[in-house]
Every structure is written in structure tokens, then in C-alpha cells.
Amino acid sequence: MCLRSIENYIRENGSIPSADKAVQITQVLGVTVEYLVTGTDSLKKNSASIEPEIDNEIRQLIKAINNLPKAKQRIVIKNALYLAGVLKES
């Protein structure tokens, strides 16, 4: 897909991409076709209801970490990831 084609799609009086080109654009941008066409994404709106409920203690922990200075946030997060086995000791 060339830059000129994308510029034509962006212009108000430009052409409308074919379905396969729209899919290619969404893959590059990391959005859905719905978002490309409407500017909204109903899947993302509904995803909050699909996510599991977060335990109240975890919410409190997130809030406490969020209130820390950035340097301390990094320390807490790094240690939590290490304890969870995500990070190796450095």
C-alpha cells in the first residue's frame, strides 16, 4: 500500500478503501475495522465486563503503588514481578 493511497483515504473527499485494504490498514494501526470506520470500538467497551473481578486487596495495592513516587513505584513493581517469576534476578 503506498503513501498516496493512504493520503487519498484520509482526505475528506478521498476514496474509500476496499475491505481487504481496510483490514491491512487496521493491522498496521492495531485497531479494528469498526474503529477505523466509526472511531469507536464496541469490543473494547464490552471487554471491561469480560475481565475477571479484581480482588479488593489488589485494588488497594494498585492504589498504594500509584500514590508512590515514580522511583519507588519501579522498585515495588520490579520486586513484584521478580516474586511472580516474571523477572530474573539482576
PDB file of N, CA and C in Angstrom:
ATOM      1  N   MET A   1       0.858  -1.168   0.000  1.00  0.00           N
ATOM      2  CA  MET A   1       0.000   0.000   0.000  1.00  0.00           C
ATOM      3  C   MET A   1       0.898   1.224   0.000  1.00  0.00           C
ATOM      4  N   CYS A   2       0.644   2.146  -0.879  1.00  0.00           N
ATOM      5  CA  CYS A   2       1.518   3.308  -0.999  1.00  0.00           C
ATOM      6  C   CYS A   2       0.976   4.487  -0.197  1.00  0.00           C
ATOM      7  N   LEU A   3       1.884   5.421   0.081  1.00  0.00           N
ATOM      8  CA  LEU A   3       1.547   6.606   0.859  1.00  0.00           C
ATOM      9  C   LEU A   3       0.445   7.409   0.180  1.00  0.00           C
ATOM     10  N   ARG A   4       0.487   7.493  -1.154  1.00  0.00           N
ATOM     11  CA  ARG A   4      -0.528   8.253  -1.889  1.00  0.00           C
ATOM     12  C   ARG A   4      -1.936   7.677  -1.641  1.00  0.00           C
ATOM     13  N   SER A   5      -2.052   6.354  -1.606  1.00  0.00           N
ATOM     14  CA  SER A   5      -3.351   5.723  -1.345  1.00  0.00           C
ATOM     15  C   SER A   5      -3.850   6.102   0.037  1.00  0.00           C
ATOM     16  N   ILE A   6      -2.964   6.035   1.023  1.00  0.00           N
ATOM     17  CA  ILE A   6      -3.353   6.383   2.398  1.00  0.00           C
ATOM     18  C   ILE A   6      -3.770   7.843   2.471  1.00  0.00           C
ATOM     19  N   GLU A   7      -3.025   8.724   1.795  1.00  0.00           N
ATOM     20  CA  GLU A   7      -3.391  10.143   1.775  1.00  0.00           C
ATOM     21  C   GLU A   7      -4.769  10.342   1.159  1.00  0.00           C
ATOM     22  N   ASN A   8      -5.084   9.585   0.118  1.00  0.00           N
ATOM     23  CA  ASN A   8      -6.408   9.678  -0.513  1.00  0.00           C
ATOM     24  C   ASN A   8      -7.501   9.218   0.452  1.00  0.00           C
ATOM     25  N   TYR A   9      -7.228   8.178   1.232  1.00  0.00           N
ATOM     26  CA  TYR A   9      -8.220   7.696   2.193  1.00  0.00           C
ATOM     27  C   TYR A   9      -8.465   8.722   3.292  1.00  0.00           C
ATOM     28  N   ILE A  10      -7.420   9.451   3.662  1.00  0.00           N
ATOM     29  CA  ILE A  10      -7.525  10.407   4.765  1.00  0.00           C
ATOM     30  C   ILE A  10      -8.286  11.653   4.356  1.00  0.00           C
ATOM     31  N   ARG A  11      -8.084  12.118   3.117  1.00  0.00           N
ATOM     32  CA  ARG A  11      -8.777  13.326   2.657  1.00  0.00           C
ATOM     33  C   ARG A  11     -10.288  13.141   2.734  1.00  0.00           C
ATOM     34  N   GLU A  12     -10.955  14.223   3.082  1.00  0.00           N
ATOM     35  CA  GLU A  12     -12.417  14.174   3.223  1.00  0.00           C
ATOM     36  C   GLU A  12     -13.083  13.747   1.924  1.00  0.00           C
ATOM     37  N   ASN A  13     -12.567  14.202   0.791  1.00  0.00           N
ATOM     38  CA  ASN A  13     -13.160  13.843  -0.492  1.00  0.00           C
ATOM     39  C   ASN A  13     -12.416  12.675  -1.132  1.00  0.00           C
ATOM     40  N   GLY A  14     -11.597  11.989  -0.348  1.00  0.00           N
ATOM     41  CA  GLY A  14     -10.802  10.884  -0.853  1.00  0.00           C
ATOM     42  C   GLY A  14     -11.633   9.635  -1.075  1.00  0.00           C
ATOM     43  N   SER A  15     -10.961   8.636  -1.629  1.00  0.00           N
ATOM     44  CA  SER A  15     -11.641   7.376  -1.904  1.00  0.00           C
ATOM     45  C   SER A  15     -11.791   6.550  -0.634  1.00  0.00           C
ATOM     46  N   ILE A  16     -12.659   5.576  -0.695  1.00  0.00           N
ATOM     47  CA  ILE A  16     -12.878   4.662   0.429  1.00  0.00           C
ATOM     48  C   ILE A  16     -12.122   3.380   0.117  1.00  0.00           C
ATOM     49  N   PRO A  17     -11.313   2.886   1.073  1.00  0.00           N
ATOM     50  CA  PRO A  17     -10.538   1.674   0.784  1.00  0.00           C
ATOM     51  C   PRO A  17     -11.440   0.454   0.658  1.00  0.00           C
ATOM     52  N   SER A  18     -10.983  -0.501  -0.129  1.00  0.00           N
ATOM     53  CA  SER A  18     -11.702  -1.768  -0.224  1.00  0.00           C
ATOM     54  C   SER A  18     -11.589  -2.487   1.111  1.00  0.00           C
ATOM     55  N   ALA A  19     -12.397  -3.515   1.302  1.00  0.00           N
ATOM     56  CA  ALA A  19     -12.403  -4.241   2.574  1.00  0.00           C
ATOM     57  C   ALA A  19     -11.034  -4.830   2.888  1.00  0.00           C
ATOM     58  N   ASP A  20     -10.376  -5.415   1.878  1.00  0.00           N
ATOM     59  CA  ASP A  20      -9.067  -6.023   2.146  1.00  0.00           C
ATOM     60  C   ASP A  20      -8.025  -4.967   2.482  1.00  0.00           C
ATOM     61  N   LYS A  21      -8.094  -3.790   1.859  1.00  0.00           N
ATOM     62  CA  LYS A  21      -7.171  -2.698   2.193  1.00  0.00           C
ATOM     63  C   LYS A  21      -7.471  -2.153   3.583  1.00  0.00           C
ATOM     64  N   ALA A  22      -8.758  -2.064   3.948  1.00  0.00           N
ATOM     65  CA  ALA A  22      -9.130  -1.600   5.285  1.00  0.00           C
ATOM     66  C   ALA A  22      -8.569  -2.542   6.343  1.00  0.00           C
ATOM     67  N   VAL A  23      -8.634  -3.828   6.079  1.00  0.00           N
ATOM     68  CA  VAL A  23      -8.084  -4.815   7.022  1.00  0.00           C
ATOM     69  C   VAL A  23      -6.581  -4.622   7.147  1.00  0.00           C
ATOM     70  N   GLN A  24      -5.887  -4.401   6.040  1.00  0.00           N
ATOM     71  CA  GLN A  24      -4.446  -4.162   6.094  1.00  0.00           C
ATOM     72  C   GLN A  24      -4.114  -2.927   6.922  1.00  0.00           C
ATOM     73  N   ILE A  25      -4.887  -1.866   6.733  1.00  0.00           N
ATOM     74  CA  ILE A  25      -4.667  -0.636   7.493  1.00  0.00           C
ATOM     75  C   ILE A  25      -4.869  -0.891   8.985  1.00  0.00           C
ATOM     76  N   THR A  26      -5.934  -1.619   9.336  1.00  0.00           N
ATOM     77  CA  THR A  26      -6.205  -1.871  10.754  1.00  0.00           C
ATOM     78  C   THR A  26      -5.112  -2.725  11.385  1.00  0.00           C
ATOM     79  N   GLN A  27      -4.552  -3.652  10.615  1.00  0.00           N
ATOM     80  CA  GLN A  27      -3.476  -4.487  11.144  1.00  0.00           C
ATOM     81  C   GLN A  27      -2.237  -3.651  11.434  1.00  0.00           C
ATOM     82  N   VAL A  28      -1.936  -2.715  10.567  1.00  0.00           N
ATOM     83  CA  VAL A  28      -0.775  -1.845  10.776  1.00  0.00           C
ATOM     84  C   VAL A  28      -1.009  -0.919  11.968  1.00  0.00           C
ATOM     85  N   LEU A  29      -2.228  -0.392  12.085  1.00  0.00           N
ATOM     86  CA  LEU A  29      -2.539   0.548  13.163  1.00  0.00           C
ATOM     87  C   LEU A  29      -2.881  -0.137  14.479  1.00  0.00           C
ATOM     88  N   GLY A  30      -3.175  -1.427  14.437  1.00  0.00           N
ATOM     89  CA  GLY A  30      -3.547  -2.137  15.656  1.00  0.00           C
ATOM     90  C   GLY A  30      -4.931  -1.780  16.161  1.00  0.00           C
ATOM     91  N   VAL A  31      -5.846  -1.514  15.247  1.00  0.00           N
ATOM     92  CA  VAL A  31      -7.229  -1.188  15.609  1.00  0.00           C
ATOM     93  C   VAL A  31      -8.165  -2.123  14.856  1.00  0.00           C
ATOM     94  N   THR A  32      -9.446  -2.076  15.188  1.00  0.00           N
ATOM     95  CA  THR A  32     -10.441  -2.876  14.481  1.00  0.00           C
ATOM     96  C   THR A  32     -10.962  -2.093  13.276  1.00  0.00           C
ATOM     97  N   VAL A  33     -11.592  -2.809  12.344  1.00  0.00           N
ATOM     98  CA  VAL A  33     -12.214  -2.143  11.201  1.00  0.00           C
ATOM     99  C   VAL A  33     -13.311  -1.206  11.701  1.00  0.00           C
ATOM    100  N   GLU A  34     -14.041  -1.652  12.720  1.00  0.00           N
ATOM    101  CA  GLU A  34     -15.088  -0.793  13.290  1.00  0.00           C
ATOM    102  C   GLU A  34     -14.512   0.533  13.754  1.00  0.00           C
ATOM    103  N   TYR A  35     -13.359   0.487  14.429  1.00  0.00           N
ATOM    104  CA  TYR A  35     -12.733   1.719  14.906  1.00  0.00           C
ATOM    105  C   TYR A  35     -12.289   2.579  13.729  1.00  0.00           C
ATOM    106  N   LEU A  36     -11.748   1.951  12.699  1.00  0.00           N
ATOM    107  CA  LEU A  36     -11.296   2.691  11.527  1.00  0.00           C
ATOM    108  C   LEU A  36     -12.460   3.441  10.882  1.00  0.00           C
ATOM    109  N   VAL A  37     -13.622   2.800  10.835  1.00  0.00           N
ATOM    110  CA  VAL A  37     -14.786   3.389  10.168  1.00  0.00           C
ATOM    111  C   VAL A  37     -15.513   4.389  11.069  1.00  0.00           C
ATOM    112  N   THR A  38     -15.707   4.032  12.349  1.00  0.00           N
ATOM    113  CA  THR A  38     -16.559   4.845  13.221  1.00  0.00           C
ATOM    114  C   THR A  38     -15.809   5.671  14.260  1.00  0.00           C
ATOM    115  N   GLY A  39     -14.573   5.287  14.558  1.00  0.00           N
ATOM    116  CA  GLY A  39     -13.831   5.982  15.614  1.00  0.00           C
ATOM    117  C   GLY A  39     -14.126   5.438  16.996  1.00  0.00           C
ATOM    118  N   THR A  40     -14.973   4.403  17.085  1.00  0.00           N
ATOM    119  CA  THR A  40     -15.258   3.744  18.358  1.00  0.00           C
ATOM    120  C   THR A  40     -15.106   2.243  18.178  1.00  0.00           C
ATOM    121  N   ASP A  41     -14.962   1.551  19.293  1.00  0.00           N
ATOM    122  CA  ASP A  41     -14.777   0.101  19.225  1.00  0.00           C
ATOM    123  C   ASP A  41     -15.637  -0.547  20.297  1.00  0.00           C
ATOM    124  N   SER A  42     -16.748  -1.144  19.905  1.00  0.00           N
ATOM    125  CA  SER A  42     -17.661  -1.751  20.871  1.00  0.00           C
ATOM    126  C   SER A  42     -17.020  -2.935  21.577  1.00  0.00           C
ATOM    127  N   LEU A  43     -16.037  -3.610  20.947  1.00  0.00           N
ATOM    128  CA  LEU A  43     -15.360  -4.722  21.606  1.00  0.00           C
ATOM    129  C   LEU A  43     -14.604  -4.248  22.831  1.00  0.00           C
ATOM    130  N   LYS A  44     -13.948  -3.101  22.729  1.00  0.00           N
ATOM    131  CA  LYS A  44     -13.208  -2.575  23.877  1.00  0.00           C
ATOM    132  C   LYS A  44     -14.162  -2.112  24.965  1.00  0.00           C
ATOM    133  N   LYS A  45     -15.314  -1.563  24.588  1.00  0.00           N
ATOM    134  CA  LYS A  45     -16.307  -1.149  25.581  1.00  0.00           C
ATOM    135  C   LYS A  45     -16.804  -2.356  26.368  1.00  0.00           C
ATOM    136  N   ASN A  46     -17.015  -3.468  25.673  1.00  0.00           N
ATOM    137  CA  ASN A  46     -17.534  -4.668  26.324  1.00  0.00           C
ATOM    138  C   ASN A  46     -16.457  -5.468  27.033  1.00  0.00           C
ATOM    139  N   SER A  47     -15.176  -5.215  26.754  1.00  0.00           N
ATOM    140  CA  SER A  47     -14.108  -6.014  27.346  1.00  0.00           C
ATOM    141  C   SER A  47     -14.034  -5.839  28.851  1.00  0.00           C
ATOM    142  N   ALA A  48     -14.443  -4.683  29.366  1.00  0.00           N
ATOM    143  CA  ALA A  48     -14.404  -4.467  30.810  1.00  0.00           C
ATOM    144  C   ALA A  48     -15.327  -5.442  31.525  1.00  0.00           C
ATOM    145  N   SER A  49     -16.444  -5.775  30.913  1.00  0.00           N
ATOM    146  CA  SER A  49     -17.374  -6.698  31.550  1.00  0.00           C
ATOM    147  C   SER A  49     -16.896  -8.138  31.449  1.00  0.00           C
ATOM    148  N   ILE A  50     -15.984  -8.420  30.521  1.00  0.00           N
ATOM    149  CA  ILE A  50     -15.461  -9.766  30.346  1.00  0.00           C
ATOM    150  C   ILE A  50     -14.325 -10.057  31.325  1.00  0.00           C
ATOM    151  N   GLU A  51     -13.553  -9.023  31.687  1.00  0.00           N
ATOM    152  CA  GLU A  51     -12.419  -9.203  32.578  1.00  0.00           C
ATOM    153  C   GLU A  51     -12.877  -9.705  33.938  1.00  0.00           C
ATOM    154  N   PRO A  52     -12.075 -10.577  34.563  1.00  0.00           N
ATOM    155  CA  PRO A  52     -12.453 -11.069  35.879  1.00  0.00           C
ATOM    156  C   PRO A  52     -12.424  -9.950  36.918  1.00  0.00           C
ATOM    157  N   GLU A  53     -13.220 -10.103  37.932  1.00  0.00           N
ATOM    158  CA  GLU A  53     -13.276  -9.125  39.012  1.00  0.00           C
ATOM    159  C   GLU A  53     -11.944  -9.093  39.746  1.00  0.00           C
ATOM    160  N   ILE A  54     -11.416  -7.911  39.985  1.00  0.00           N
ATOM    161  CA  ILE A  54     -10.150  -7.767  40.696  1.00  0.00           C
ATOM    162  C   ILE A  54     -10.426  -7.735  42.193  1.00  0.00           C
ATOM    163  N   ASP A  55      -9.655  -8.539  42.913  1.00  0.00           N
ATOM    164  CA  ASP A  55      -9.779  -8.623  44.364  1.00  0.00           C
ATOM    165  C   ASP A  55      -9.579  -7.241  44.985  1.00  0.00           C
ATOM    166  N   ASN A  56     -10.316  -6.949  46.054  1.00  0.00           N
ATOM    167  CA  ASN A  56     -10.252  -5.641  46.714  1.00  0.00           C
ATOM    168  C   ASN A  56      -8.844  -5.343  47.220  1.00  0.00           C
ATOM    169  N   GLU A  57      -8.136  -6.348  47.740  1.00  0.00           N
ATOM    170  CA  GLU A  57      -6.777  -6.122  48.236  1.00  0.00           C
ATOM    171  C   GLU A  57      -5.842  -5.724  47.093  1.00  0.00           C
ATOM    172  N   ILE A  58      -6.054  -6.311  45.920  1.00  0.00           N
ATOM    173  CA  ILE A  58      -5.224  -5.950  44.767  1.00  0.00           C
ATOM    174  C   ILE A  58      -5.518  -4.517  44.344  1.00  0.00           C
ATOM    175  N   ARG A  59      -6.786  -4.130  44.388  1.00  0.00           N
ATOM    176  CA  ARG A  59      -7.147  -2.732  44.085  1.00  0.00           C
ATOM    177  C   ARG A  59      -6.453  -1.778  45.054  1.00  0.00           C
ATOM    178  N   GLN A  60      -6.458  -2.127  46.339  1.00  0.00           N
ATOM    179  CA  GLN A  60      -5.798  -1.282  47.341  1.00  0.00           C
ATOM    180  C   GLN A  60      -4.302  -1.201  47.081  1.00  0.00           C
ATOM    181  N   LEU A  61      -3.707  -2.332  46.701  1.00  0.00           N
ATOM    182  CA  LEU A  61      -2.286  -2.366  46.404  1.00  0.00           C
ATOM    183  C   LEU A  61      -1.959  -1.480  45.209  1.00  0.00           C
ATOM    184  N   ILE A  62      -2.750  -1.590  44.165  1.00  0.00           N
ATOM    185  CA  ILE A  62      -2.534  -0.764  42.972  1.00  0.00           C
ATOM    186  C   ILE A  62      -2.644   0.714  43.331  1.00  0.00           C
ATOM    187  N   LYS A  63      -3.641   1.055  44.120  1.00  0.00           N
ATOM    188  CA  LYS A  63      -3.821   2.444  44.535  1.00  0.00           C
ATOM    189  C   LYS A  63      -2.625   2.928  45.358  1.00  0.00           C
ATOM    190  N   ALA A  64      -2.143   2.079  46.276  1.00  0.00           N
ATOM    191  CA  ALA A  64      -0.989   2.449  47.104  1.00  0.00           C
ATOM    192  C   ALA A  64       0.253   2.638  46.246  1.00  0.00           C
ATOM    193  N   ILE A  65       0.472   1.731  45.296  1.00  0.00           N
ATOM    194  CA  ILE A  65       1.637   1.851  44.411  1.00  0.00           C
ATOM    195  C   ILE A  65       1.525   3.103  43.561  1.00  0.00           C
ATOM    196  N   ASN A  66       0.343   3.380  43.093  1.00  0.00           N
ATOM    197  CA  ASN A  66       0.119   4.563  42.257  1.00  0.00           C
ATOM    198  C   ASN A  66       0.412   5.857  43.001  1.00  0.00           C
ATOM    199  N   ASN A  67       0.250   5.849  44.320  1.00  0.00           N
ATOM    200  CA  ASN A  67       0.495   7.051  45.129  1.00  0.00           C
ATOM    201  C   ASN A  67       1.963   7.234  45.492  1.00  0.00           C
ATOM    202  N   LEU A  68       2.801   6.237  45.207  1.00  0.00           N
ATOM    203  CA  LEU A  68       4.234   6.337  45.500  1.00  0.00           C
ATOM    204  C   LEU A  68       4.935   7.205  44.460  1.00  0.00           C
ATOM    205  N   PRO A  69       6.092   7.765  44.829  1.00  0.00           N
ATOM    206  CA  PRO A  69       6.904   8.446  43.818  1.00  0.00           C
ATOM    207  C   PRO A  69       7.331   7.437  42.746  1.00  0.00           C
ATOM    208  N   LYS A  70       7.580   7.909  41.531  1.00  0.00           N
ATOM    209  CA  LYS A  70       7.895   7.033  40.397  1.00  0.00           C
ATOM    210  C   LYS A  70       9.057   6.089  40.688  1.00  0.00           C
ATOM    211  N   ALA A  71      10.112   6.572  41.337  1.00  0.00           N
ATOM    212  CA  ALA A  71      11.271   5.721  41.619  1.00  0.00           C
ATOM    213  C   ALA A  71      10.876   4.554  42.518  1.00  0.00           C
ATOM    214  N   LYS A  72      10.046   4.811  43.517  1.00  0.00           N
ATOM    215  CA  LYS A  72       9.597   3.743  44.416  1.00  0.00           C
ATOM    216  C   LYS A  72       8.610   2.819  43.714  1.00  0.00           C
ATOM    217  N   GLN A  73       7.795   3.363  42.810  1.00  0.00           N
ATOM    218  CA  GLN A  73       6.874   2.523  42.029  1.00  0.00           C
ATOM    219  C   GLN A  73       7.663   1.478  41.255  1.00  0.00           C
ATOM    220  N   ARG A  74       8.759   1.923  40.602  1.00  0.00           N
ATOM    221  CA  ARG A  74       9.572   0.992  39.818  1.00  0.00           C
ATOM    222  C   ARG A  74      10.155  -0.108  40.690  1.00  0.00           C
ATOM    223  N   ILE A  75      10.590   0.247  41.903  1.00  0.00           N
ATOM    224  CA  ILE A  75      11.162  -0.743  42.819  1.00  0.00           C
ATOM    225  C   ILE A  75      10.112  -1.773  43.216  1.00  0.00           C
ATOM    226  N   VAL A  76       8.931  -1.303  43.585  1.00  0.00           N
ATOM    227  CA  VAL A  76       7.856  -2.208  44.008  1.00  0.00           C
ATOM    228  C   VAL A  76       7.436  -3.114  42.856  1.00  0.00           C
ATOM    229  N   ILE A  77       7.261  -2.537  41.683  1.00  0.00           N
ATOM    230  CA  ILE A  77       6.830  -3.323  40.524  1.00  0.00           C
ATOM    231  C   ILE A  77       7.886  -4.351  40.147  1.00  0.00           C
ATOM    232  N   LYS A  78       9.151  -3.932  40.140  1.00  0.00           N
ATOM    233  CA  LYS A  78      10.230  -4.860  39.798  1.00  0.00           C
ATOM    234  C   LYS A  78      10.267  -6.019  40.790  1.00  0.00           C
ATOM    235  N   ASN A  79      10.126  -5.730  42.086  1.00  0.00           N
ATOM    236  CA  ASN A  79      10.129  -6.794  43.093  1.00  0.00           C
ATOM    237  C   ASN A  79       8.917  -7.710  42.954  1.00  0.00           C
ATOM    238  N   ALA A  80       7.750  -7.145  42.657  1.00  0.00           N
ATOM    239  CA  ALA A  80       6.554  -7.960  42.488  1.00  0.00           C
ATOM    240  C   ALA A  80       6.706  -8.890  41.292  1.00  0.00           C
ATOM    241  N   LEU A  81       7.245  -8.364  40.195  1.00  0.00           N
ATOM    242  CA  LEU A  81       7.459  -9.194  39.008  1.00  0.00           C
ATOM    243  C   LEU A  81       8.500 -10.274  39.274  1.00  0.00           C
ATOM    244  N   TYR A  82       9.519  -9.951  40.064  1.00  0.00           N
ATOM    245  CA  TYR A  82      10.525 -10.947  40.426  1.00  0.00           C
ATOM    246  C   TYR A  82       9.884 -12.064  41.257  1.00  0.00           C
ATOM    247  N   LEU A  83       9.077 -11.693  42.239  1.00  0.00           N
ATOM    248  CA  LEU A  83       8.418 -12.683  43.089  1.00  0.00           C
ATOM    249  C   LEU A  83       7.437 -13.539  42.298  1.00  0.00           C
ATOM    250  N   ALA A  84       6.836 -12.960  41.277  1.00  0.00           N
ATOM    251  CA  ALA A  84       5.885 -13.709  40.443  1.00  0.00           C
ATOM    252  C   ALA A  84       6.605 -14.597  39.438  1.00  0.00           C
ATOM    253  N   GLY A  85       7.914 -14.498  39.385  1.00  0.00           N
ATOM    254  CA  GLY A  85       8.679 -15.327  38.463  1.00  0.00           C
ATOM    255  C   GLY A  85       8.773 -14.779  37.064  1.00  0.00           C
ATOM    256  N   VAL A  86       8.324 -13.543  36.870  1.00  0.00           N
ATOM    257  CA  VAL A  86       8.376 -12.919  35.548  1.00  0.00           C
ATOM    258  C   VAL A  86       9.770 -12.383  35.249  1.00  0.00           C
ATOM    259  N   LEU A  87      10.414 -11.836  36.277  1.00  0.00           N
ATOM    260  CA  LEU A  87      11.768 -11.294  36.122  1.00  0.00           C
ATOM    261  C   LEU A  87      12.778 -12.194  36.788  1.00  0.00           C
ATOM    262  N   LYS A  88      13.974 -12.243  36.232  1.00  0.00           N
ATOM    263  CA  LYS A  88      15.088 -12.949  36.851  1.00  0.00           C
ATOM    264  C   LYS A  88      15.891 -11.952  37.657  1.00  0.00           C
ATOM    265  N   GLU A  89      16.603 -12.426  38.656  1.00  0.00           N
ATOM    266  CA  GLU A  89      17.413 -11.536  39.482  1.00  0.00           C
ATOM    267  C   GLU A  89      18.482 -10.885  38.632  1.00  0.00           C
ATOM    268  N   SER A  90      18.649  -9.567  38.813  1.00  0.00           N
ATOM    269  CA  SER A  90      19.648  -8.852  38.002  1.00  0.00           C
ATOM    270  C   SER A  90      20.791  -8.348  38.832  1.00  0.00           C
TER     271      SER A  90
END
